[in-house]
């Protein structure tokens, strides 16, 4: 289940990586799939499969959009979108 991080304050000493929360949620979702547990494949291999559970597919798409928004020149002035 995706987690929401709006209310959590990040320590100032810890530098936050872009889209870190989505990446962590996606990794956790992939590690709980049968592909990783039963077939003993890596999360990267399982992410490329078409039989990915709907929840993981949504997280993968959100992570992709977050990373893509970092390259969009319009967002250089507006800032990154947070999901």
PDB file of N, CA and C in Angstrom:
ATOM      1  N   UNK A   1       0.843  -1.168   0.000  1.00  0.00           N
ATOM      2  CA  UNK A   1       0.000   0.000   0.000  1.00  0.00           C
ATOM      3  C   UNK A   1       0.892   1.235   0.000  1.00  0.00           C
ATOM      4  N   UNK A   2       0.630   2.215  -0.851  1.00  0.00           N
ATOM      5  CA  UNK A   2       1.454   3.421  -0.884  1.00  0.00           C
ATOM      6  C   UNK A   2       1.367   4.184   0.430  1.00  0.00           C
ATOM      7  N   UNK A   3       2.448   4.779   0.787  1.00  0.00           N
ATOM      8  CA  UNK A   3       2.496   5.569   2.014  1.00  0.00           C
ATOM      9  C   UNK A   3       2.488   7.038   1.647  1.00  0.00           C
ATOM     10  N   UNK A   4       1.975   7.853   2.523  1.00  0.00           N
ATOM     11  CA  UNK A   4       1.944   9.283   2.283  1.00  0.00           C
ATOM     12  C   UNK A   4       2.916   9.951   3.240  1.00  0.00           C
ATOM     13  N   UNK A   5       3.738  10.822   2.714  1.00  0.00           N
ATOM     14  CA  UNK A   5       4.826  11.403   3.482  1.00  0.00           C
ATOM     15  C   UNK A   5       4.664  12.906   3.688  1.00  0.00           C
ATOM     16  N   UNK A   6       3.447  13.426   3.533  1.00  0.00           N
ATOM     17  CA  UNK A   6       3.255  14.863   3.640  1.00  0.00           C
ATOM     18  C   UNK A   6       3.471  15.361   5.070  1.00  0.00           C
ATOM     19  N   UNK A   7       3.085  14.566   6.045  1.00  0.00           N
ATOM     20  CA  UNK A   7       3.151  15.004   7.436  1.00  0.00           C
ATOM     21  C   UNK A   7       4.487  14.727   8.099  1.00  0.00           C
ATOM     22  N   UNK A   8       5.346  13.975   7.457  1.00  0.00           N
ATOM     23  CA  UNK A   8       6.611  13.587   8.063  1.00  0.00           C
ATOM     24  C   UNK A   8       7.678  14.613   7.706  1.00  0.00           C
ATOM     25  N   UNK A   9       8.366  15.102   8.711  1.00  0.00           N
ATOM     26  CA  UNK A   9       9.459  16.032   8.467  1.00  0.00           C
ATOM     27  C   UNK A   9      10.743  15.256   8.230  1.00  0.00           C
ATOM     28  N   UNK A  10      11.486  15.696   7.258  1.00  0.00           N
ATOM     29  CA  UNK A  10      12.756  15.053   6.940  1.00  0.00           C
ATOM     30  C   UNK A  10      13.850  15.757   7.732  1.00  0.00           C
ATOM     31  N   UNK A  11      14.724  14.970   8.305  1.00  0.00           N
ATOM     32  CA  UNK A  11      15.828  15.558   9.053  1.00  0.00           C
ATOM     33  C   UNK A  11      16.673  16.408   8.120  1.00  0.00           C
ATOM     34  N   UNK A  12      17.137  17.530   8.618  1.00  0.00           N
ATOM     35  CA  UNK A  12      17.930  18.425   7.775  1.00  0.00           C
ATOM     36  C   UNK A  12      19.285  17.831   7.445  1.00  0.00           C
ATOM     37  N   UNK A  13      19.779  16.941   8.304  1.00  0.00           N
ATOM     38  CA  UNK A  13      21.078  16.347   8.029  1.00  0.00           C
ATOM     39  C   UNK A  13      20.989  15.299   6.916  1.00  0.00           C
ATOM     40  N   UNK A  14      19.814  14.712   6.743  1.00  0.00           N
ATOM     41  CA  UNK A  14      19.641  13.705   5.706  1.00  0.00           C
ATOM     42  C   UNK A  14      19.221  14.393   4.416  1.00  0.00           C
ATOM     43  N   UNK A  15      20.020  14.249   3.409  1.00  0.00           N
ATOM     44  CA  UNK A  15      19.702  14.835   2.124  1.00  0.00           C
ATOM     45  C   UNK A  15      18.757  13.900   1.399  1.00  0.00           C
ATOM     46  N   UNK A  16      17.658  14.432   0.932  1.00  0.00           N
ATOM     47  CA  UNK A  16      16.636  13.623   0.299  1.00  0.00           C
ATOM     48  C   UNK A  16      16.887  13.511  -1.194  1.00  0.00           C
ATOM     49  N   UNK A  17      16.810  12.314  -1.705  1.00  0.00           N
ATOM     50  CA  UNK A  17      16.989  12.057  -3.124  1.00  0.00           C
ATOM     51  C   UNK A  17      15.649  12.264  -3.811  1.00  0.00           C
ATOM     52  N   UNK A  18      15.672  12.745  -5.037  1.00  0.00           N
ATOM     53  CA  UNK A  18      14.449  12.991  -5.776  1.00  0.00           C
ATOM     54  C   UNK A  18      13.651  11.707  -5.941  1.00  0.00           C
ATOM     55  N   UNK A  19      12.371  11.782  -5.703  1.00  0.00           N
ATOM     56  CA  UNK A  19      11.427  10.665  -5.878  1.00  0.00           C
ATOM     57  C   UNK A  19      11.765   9.467  -4.986  1.00  0.00           C
ATOM     58  N   UNK A  20      12.430   9.701  -3.888  1.00  0.00           N
ATOM     59  CA  UNK A  20      12.870   8.622  -2.999  1.00  0.00           C
ATOM     60  C   UNK A  20      11.691   7.849  -2.410  1.00  0.00           C
ATOM     61  N   UNK A  21      10.634   8.552  -2.039  1.00  0.00           N
ATOM     62  CA  UNK A  21       9.493   7.903  -1.411  1.00  0.00           C
ATOM     63  C   UNK A  21       8.795   6.946  -2.376  1.00  0.00           C
ATOM     64  N   UNK A  22       8.617   7.391  -3.610  1.00  0.00           N
ATOM     65  CA  UNK A  22       7.993   6.529  -4.610  1.00  0.00           C
ATOM     66  C   UNK A  22       8.870   5.316  -4.919  1.00  0.00           C
ATOM     67  N   UNK A  23      10.169   5.542  -4.982  1.00  0.00           N
ATOM     68  CA  UNK A  23      11.091   4.435  -5.252  1.00  0.00           C
ATOM     69  C   UNK A  23      11.025   3.389  -4.143  1.00  0.00           C
ATOM     70  N   UNK A  24      10.985   3.836  -2.895  1.00  0.00           N
ATOM     71  CA  UNK A  24      10.911   2.903  -1.769  1.00  0.00           C
ATOM     72  C   UNK A  24       9.605   2.118  -1.779  1.00  0.00           C
ATOM     73  N   UNK A  25       8.486   2.808  -2.090  1.00  0.00           N
ATOM     74  CA  UNK A  25       7.199   2.126  -2.151  1.00  0.00           C
ATOM     75  C   UNK A  25       7.172   1.102  -3.283  1.00  0.00           C
ATOM     76  N   UNK A  26       7.747   1.459  -4.428  1.00  0.00           N
ATOM     77  CA  UNK A  26       7.793   0.544  -5.564  1.00  0.00           C
ATOM     78  C   UNK A  26       8.644  -0.682  -5.231  1.00  0.00           C
ATOM     79  N   UNK A  27       9.779  -0.467  -4.609  1.00  0.00           N
ATOM     80  CA  UNK A  27      10.643  -1.588  -4.235  1.00  0.00           C
ATOM     81  C   UNK A  27       9.950  -2.515  -3.250  1.00  0.00           C
ATOM     82  N   UNK A  28       9.264  -1.946  -2.273  1.00  0.00           N
ATOM     83  CA  UNK A  28       8.543  -2.759  -1.294  1.00  0.00           C
ATOM     84  C   UNK A  28       7.423  -3.556  -1.963  1.00  0.00           C
ATOM     85  N   UNK A  29       6.731  -2.922  -2.895  1.00  0.00           N
ATOM     86  CA  UNK A  29       5.660  -3.612  -3.617  1.00  0.00           C
ATOM     87  C   UNK A  29       6.222  -4.761  -4.445  1.00  0.00           C
ATOM     88  N   UNK A  30       7.327  -4.518  -5.116  1.00  0.00           N
ATOM     89  CA  UNK A  30       7.928  -5.564  -5.943  1.00  0.00           C
ATOM     90  C   UNK A  30       8.456  -6.725  -5.110  1.00  0.00           C
ATOM     91  N   UNK A  31       8.967  -6.437  -3.929  1.00  0.00           N
ATOM     92  CA  UNK A  31       9.505  -7.498  -3.081  1.00  0.00           C
ATOM     93  C   UNK A  31       8.409  -8.386  -2.511  1.00  0.00           C
ATOM     94  N   UNK A  32       7.177  -7.899  -2.512  1.00  0.00           N
ATOM     95  CA  UNK A  32       6.069  -8.692  -1.997  1.00  0.00           C
ATOM     96  C   UNK A  32       5.336  -9.464  -3.085  1.00  0.00           C
ATOM     97  N   UNK A  33       5.793  -9.413  -4.321  1.00  0.00           N
ATOM     98  CA  UNK A  33       5.136 -10.132  -5.408  1.00  0.00           C
ATOM     99  C   UNK A  33       5.602 -11.586  -5.445  1.00  0.00           C
ATOM    100  N   UNK A  34       4.811 -12.416  -6.098  1.00  0.00           N
ATOM    101  CA  UNK A  34       5.171 -13.829  -6.239  1.00  0.00           C
ATOM    102  C   UNK A  34       6.404 -14.004  -7.115  1.00  0.00           C
ATOM    103  N   UNK A  35       6.601 -13.097  -8.036  1.00  0.00           N
ATOM    104  CA  UNK A  35       7.744 -13.174  -8.945  1.00  0.00           C
ATOM    105  C   UNK A  35       9.059 -13.178  -8.152  1.00  0.00           C
ATOM    106  N   UNK A  36       9.133 -12.328  -7.152  1.00  0.00           N
ATOM    107  CA  UNK A  36      10.360 -12.238  -6.350  1.00  0.00           C
ATOM    108  C   UNK A  36      10.410 -13.352  -5.313  1.00  0.00           C
ATOM    109  N   UNK A  37       9.281 -13.606  -4.671  1.00  0.00           N
ATOM    110  CA  UNK A  37       9.259 -14.593  -3.590  1.00  0.00           C
ATOM    111  C   UNK A  37       9.388 -16.029  -4.089  1.00  0.00           C
ATOM    112  N   UNK A  38       8.565 -16.397  -5.059  1.00  0.00           N
ATOM    113  CA  UNK A  38       8.536 -17.794  -5.506  1.00  0.00           C
ATOM    114  C   UNK A  38       9.536 -18.079  -6.621  1.00  0.00           C
ATOM    115  N   UNK A  39       9.602 -17.180  -7.602  1.00  0.00           N
ATOM    116  CA  UNK A  39      10.464 -17.426  -8.760  1.00  0.00           C
ATOM    117  C   UNK A  39      11.910 -17.017  -8.523  1.00  0.00           C
ATOM    118  N   UNK A  40      12.169 -16.348  -7.407  1.00  0.00           N
ATOM    119  CA  UNK A  40      13.527 -15.926  -7.028  1.00  0.00           C
ATOM    120  C   UNK A  40      14.189 -15.027  -8.084  1.00  0.00           C
ATOM    121  N   UNK A  41      13.384 -14.160  -8.689  1.00  0.00           N
ATOM    122  CA  UNK A  41      13.924 -13.190  -9.645  1.00  0.00           C
ATOM    123  C   UNK A  41      14.208 -11.886  -8.926  1.00  0.00           C
ATOM    124  N   UNK A  42      14.981 -11.025  -9.556  1.00  0.00           N
ATOM    125  CA  UNK A  42      15.267  -9.726  -8.966  1.00  0.00           C
ATOM    126  C   UNK A  42      14.066  -8.802  -9.192  1.00  0.00           C
ATOM    127  N   UNK A  43      13.898  -7.785  -8.343  1.00  0.00           N
ATOM    128  CA  UNK A  43      12.804  -6.830  -8.556  1.00  0.00           C
ATOM    129  C   UNK A  43      12.889  -6.148  -9.921  1.00  0.00           C
ATOM    130  N   UNK A  44      14.093  -5.924 -10.420  1.00  0.00           N
ATOM    131  CA  UNK A  44      14.244  -5.296 -11.732  1.00  0.00           C
ATOM    132  C   UNK A  44      13.672  -6.183 -12.833  1.00  0.00           C
ATOM    133  N   UNK A  45      13.941  -7.495 -12.749  1.00  0.00           N
ATOM    134  CA  UNK A  45      13.401  -8.424 -13.740  1.00  0.00           C
ATOM    135  C   UNK A  45      11.886  -8.501 -13.658  1.00  0.00           C
ATOM    136  N   UNK A  46      11.366  -8.487 -12.452  1.00  0.00           N
ATOM    137  CA  UNK A  46       9.920  -8.588 -12.263  1.00  0.00           C
ATOM    138  C   UNK A  46       9.203  -7.309 -12.699  1.00  0.00           C
ATOM    139  N   UNK A  47       9.864  -6.188 -12.592  1.00  0.00           N
ATOM    140  CA  UNK A  47       9.240  -4.918 -12.969  1.00  0.00           C
ATOM    141  C   UNK A  47       9.008  -4.854 -14.472  1.00  0.00           C
ATOM    142  N   UNK A  48       9.800  -5.544 -15.239  1.00  0.00           N
ATOM    143  CA  UNK A  48       9.674  -5.526 -16.693  1.00  0.00           C
ATOM    144  C   UNK A  48       8.613  -6.486 -17.214  1.00  0.00           C
ATOM    145  N   UNK A  49       8.087  -7.335 -16.356  1.00  0.00           N
ATOM    146  CA  UNK A  49       7.073  -8.299 -16.778  1.00  0.00           C
ATOM    147  C   UNK A  49       5.733  -7.613 -16.990  1.00  0.00           C
ATOM    148  N   UNK A  50       4.924  -8.191 -17.861  1.00  0.00           N
ATOM    149  CA  UNK A  50       3.592  -7.646 -18.096  1.00  0.00           C
ATOM    150  C   UNK A  50       2.594  -8.134 -17.056  1.00  0.00           C
ATOM    151  N   UNK A  51       2.934  -9.143 -16.294  1.00  0.00           N
ATOM    152  CA  UNK A  51       2.030  -9.686 -15.281  1.00  0.00           C
ATOM    153  C   UNK A  51       2.231  -9.008 -13.920  1.00  0.00           C
ATOM    154  N   UNK A  52       2.659  -7.769 -13.946  1.00  0.00           N
ATOM    155  CA  UNK A  52       2.887  -7.006 -12.723  1.00  0.00           C
ATOM    156  C   UNK A  52       1.548  -6.673 -12.071  1.00  0.00           C
ATOM    157  N   UNK A  53       1.423  -6.817 -10.749  1.00  0.00           N
ATOM    158  CA  UNK A  53       0.160  -6.459 -10.092  1.00  0.00           C
ATOM    159  C   UNK A  53      -0.192  -4.987 -10.331  1.00  0.00           C
ATOM    160  N   UNK A  54      -1.479  -4.693 -10.311  1.00  0.00           N
ATOM    161  CA  UNK A  54      -1.964  -3.344 -10.624  1.00  0.00           C
ATOM    162  C   UNK A  54      -1.348  -2.288  -9.712  1.00  0.00           C
ATOM    163  N   UNK A  55      -1.244  -2.579  -8.441  1.00  0.00           N
ATOM    164  CA  UNK A  55      -0.691  -1.613  -7.489  1.00  0.00           C
ATOM    165  C   UNK A  55       0.764  -1.284  -7.828  1.00  0.00           C
ATOM    166  N   UNK A  56       1.542  -2.275  -8.176  1.00  0.00           N
ATOM    167  CA  UNK A  56       2.943  -2.042  -8.535  1.00  0.00           C
ATOM    168  C   UNK A  56       3.052  -1.307  -9.864  1.00  0.00           C
ATOM    169  N   UNK A  57       2.142  -1.593 -10.777  1.00  0.00           N
ATOM    170  CA  UNK A  57       2.158  -0.906 -12.067  1.00  0.00           C
ATOM    171  C   UNK A  57       1.859   0.582 -11.896  1.00  0.00           C
ATOM    172  N   UNK A  58       0.950   0.902 -11.004  1.00  0.00           N
ATOM    173  CA  UNK A  58       0.629   2.313 -10.732  1.00  0.00           C
ATOM    174  C   UNK A  58       1.823   3.012 -10.093  1.00  0.00           C
ATOM    175  N   UNK A  59       2.477   2.341  -9.162  1.00  0.00           N
ATOM    176  CA  UNK A  59       3.668   2.917  -8.525  1.00  0.00           C
ATOM    177  C   UNK A  59       4.799   3.095  -9.528  1.00  0.00           C
ATOM    178  N   UNK A  60       4.969   2.132 -10.438  1.00  0.00           N
ATOM    179  CA  UNK A  60       6.008   2.234 -11.461  1.00  0.00           C
ATOM    180  C   UNK A  60       5.748   3.424 -12.370  1.00  0.00           C
ATOM    181  N   UNK A  61       4.486   3.630 -12.754  1.00  0.00           N
ATOM    182  CA  UNK A  61       4.136   4.762 -13.604  1.00  0.00           C
ATOM    183  C   UNK A  61       4.349   6.089 -12.868  1.00  0.00           C
ATOM    184  N   UNK A  62       3.973   6.152 -11.612  1.00  0.00           N
ATOM    185  CA  UNK A  62       4.166   7.374 -10.823  1.00  0.00           C
ATOM    186  C   UNK A  62       5.648   7.697 -10.656  1.00  0.00           C
ATOM    187  N   UNK A  63       6.448   6.670 -10.429  1.00  0.00           N
ATOM    188  CA  UNK A  63       7.889   6.870 -10.297  1.00  0.00           C
ATOM    189  C   UNK A  63       8.482   7.372 -11.611  1.00  0.00           C
ATOM    190  N   UNK A  64       8.022   6.807 -12.722  1.00  0.00           N
ATOM    191  CA  UNK A  64       8.472   7.254 -14.036  1.00  0.00           C
ATOM    192  C   UNK A  64       8.110   8.721 -14.269  1.00  0.00           C
ATOM    193  N   UNK A  65       6.882   9.096 -13.934  1.00  0.00           N
ATOM    194  CA  UNK A  65       6.446  10.488 -14.121  1.00  0.00           C
ATOM    195  C   UNK A  65       7.242  11.438 -13.235  1.00  0.00           C
ATOM    196  N   UNK A  66       7.553  11.011 -12.032  1.00  0.00           N
ATOM    197  CA  UNK A  66       8.342  11.849 -11.127  1.00  0.00           C
ATOM    198  C   UNK A  66       9.734  12.077 -11.689  1.00  0.00           C
ATOM    199  N   UNK A  67      10.362  11.005 -12.151  1.00  0.00           N
ATOM    200  CA  UNK A  67      11.714  11.129 -12.710  1.00  0.00           C
ATOM    201  C   UNK A  67      11.700  11.949 -14.001  1.00  0.00           C
ATOM    202  N   UNK A  68      10.659  11.774 -14.808  1.00  0.00           N
ATOM    203  CA  UNK A  68      10.566  12.524 -16.055  1.00  0.00           C
ATOM    204  C   UNK A  68      10.353  14.008 -15.791  1.00  0.00           C
ATOM    205  N   UNK A  69       9.624  14.333 -14.729  1.00  0.00           N
ATOM    206  CA  UNK A  69       9.365  15.739 -14.419  1.00  0.00           C
ATOM    207  C   UNK A  69      10.653  16.471 -14.041  1.00  0.00           C
ATOM    208  N   UNK A  70      11.673  15.725 -13.615  1.00  0.00           N
ATOM    209  CA  UNK A  70      12.944  16.362 -13.272  1.00  0.00           C
ATOM    210  C   UNK A  70      13.674  16.850 -14.524  1.00  0.00           C
ATOM    211  N   UNK A  71      13.406  16.222 -15.670  1.00  0.00           N
ATOM    212  CA  UNK A  71      14.072  16.594 -16.907  1.00  0.00           C
ATOM    213  C   UNK A  71      13.303  17.636 -17.700  1.00  0.00           C
ATOM    214  N   UNK A  72      12.065  17.877 -17.344  1.00  0.00           N
ATOM    215  CA  UNK A  72      11.229  18.824 -18.053  1.00  0.00           C
ATOM    216  C   UNK A  72      11.689  20.245 -17.753  1.00  0.00           C
ATOM    217  N   UNK A  73      12.025  20.983 -18.774  1.00  0.00           N
ATOM    218  CA  UNK A  73      12.555  22.340 -18.581  1.00  0.00           C
ATOM    219  C   UNK A  73      11.543  23.289 -17.951  1.00  0.00           C
ATOM    220  N   UNK A  74      10.265  23.051 -18.167  1.00  0.00           N
ATOM    221  CA  UNK A  74       9.251  23.927 -17.559  1.00  0.00           C
ATOM    222  C   UNK A  74       9.280  23.813 -16.041  1.00  0.00           C
ATOM    223  N   UNK A  75       9.636  22.637 -15.558  1.00  0.00           N
ATOM    224  CA  UNK A  75       9.642  22.423 -14.111  1.00  0.00           C
ATOM    225  C   UNK A  75      10.884  22.976 -13.431  1.00  0.00           C
ATOM    226  N   UNK A  76      11.840  23.400 -14.196  1.00  0.00           N
ATOM    227  CA  UNK A  76      13.021  23.998 -13.574  1.00  0.00           C
ATOM    228  C   UNK A  76      12.644  25.274 -12.844  1.00  0.00           C
ATOM    229  N   UNK A  77      11.636  25.962 -13.339  1.00  0.00           N
ATOM    230  CA  UNK A  77      11.189  27.195 -12.701  1.00  0.00           C
ATOM    231  C   UNK A  77      10.090  26.940 -11.677  1.00  0.00           C
ATOM    232  N   UNK A  78       9.255  25.973 -11.936  1.00  0.00           N
ATOM    233  CA  UNK A  78       8.127  25.679 -11.041  1.00  0.00           C
ATOM    234  C   UNK A  78       8.521  24.784  -9.872  1.00  0.00           C
ATOM    235  N   UNK A  79       9.526  23.980 -10.084  1.00  0.00           N
ATOM    236  CA  UNK A  79       9.918  23.007  -9.065  1.00  0.00           C
ATOM    237  C   UNK A  79       9.330  21.649  -9.387  1.00  0.00           C
ATOM    238  N   UNK A  80       9.824  20.620  -8.707  1.00  0.00           N
ATOM    239  CA  UNK A  80       9.347  19.262  -8.937  1.00  0.00           C
ATOM    240  C   UNK A  80       7.945  19.087  -8.405  1.00  0.00           C
ATOM    241  N   UNK A  81       7.192  18.224  -9.056  1.00  0.00           N
ATOM    242  CA  UNK A  81       5.867  17.859  -8.552  1.00  0.00           C
ATOM    243  C   UNK A  81       6.046  16.770  -7.525  1.00  0.00           C
ATOM    244  N   UNK A  82       5.317  16.859  -6.462  1.00  0.00           N
ATOM    245  CA  UNK A  82       5.355  15.822  -5.426  1.00  0.00           C
ATOM    246  C   UNK A  82       4.071  15.025  -5.505  1.00  0.00           C
ATOM    247  N   UNK A  83       4.195  13.723  -5.483  1.00  0.00           N
ATOM    248  CA  UNK A  83       3.029  12.842  -5.594  1.00  0.00           C
ATOM    249  C   UNK A  83       2.610  12.345  -4.263  1.00  0.00           C
TER     250      UNK A  83
END
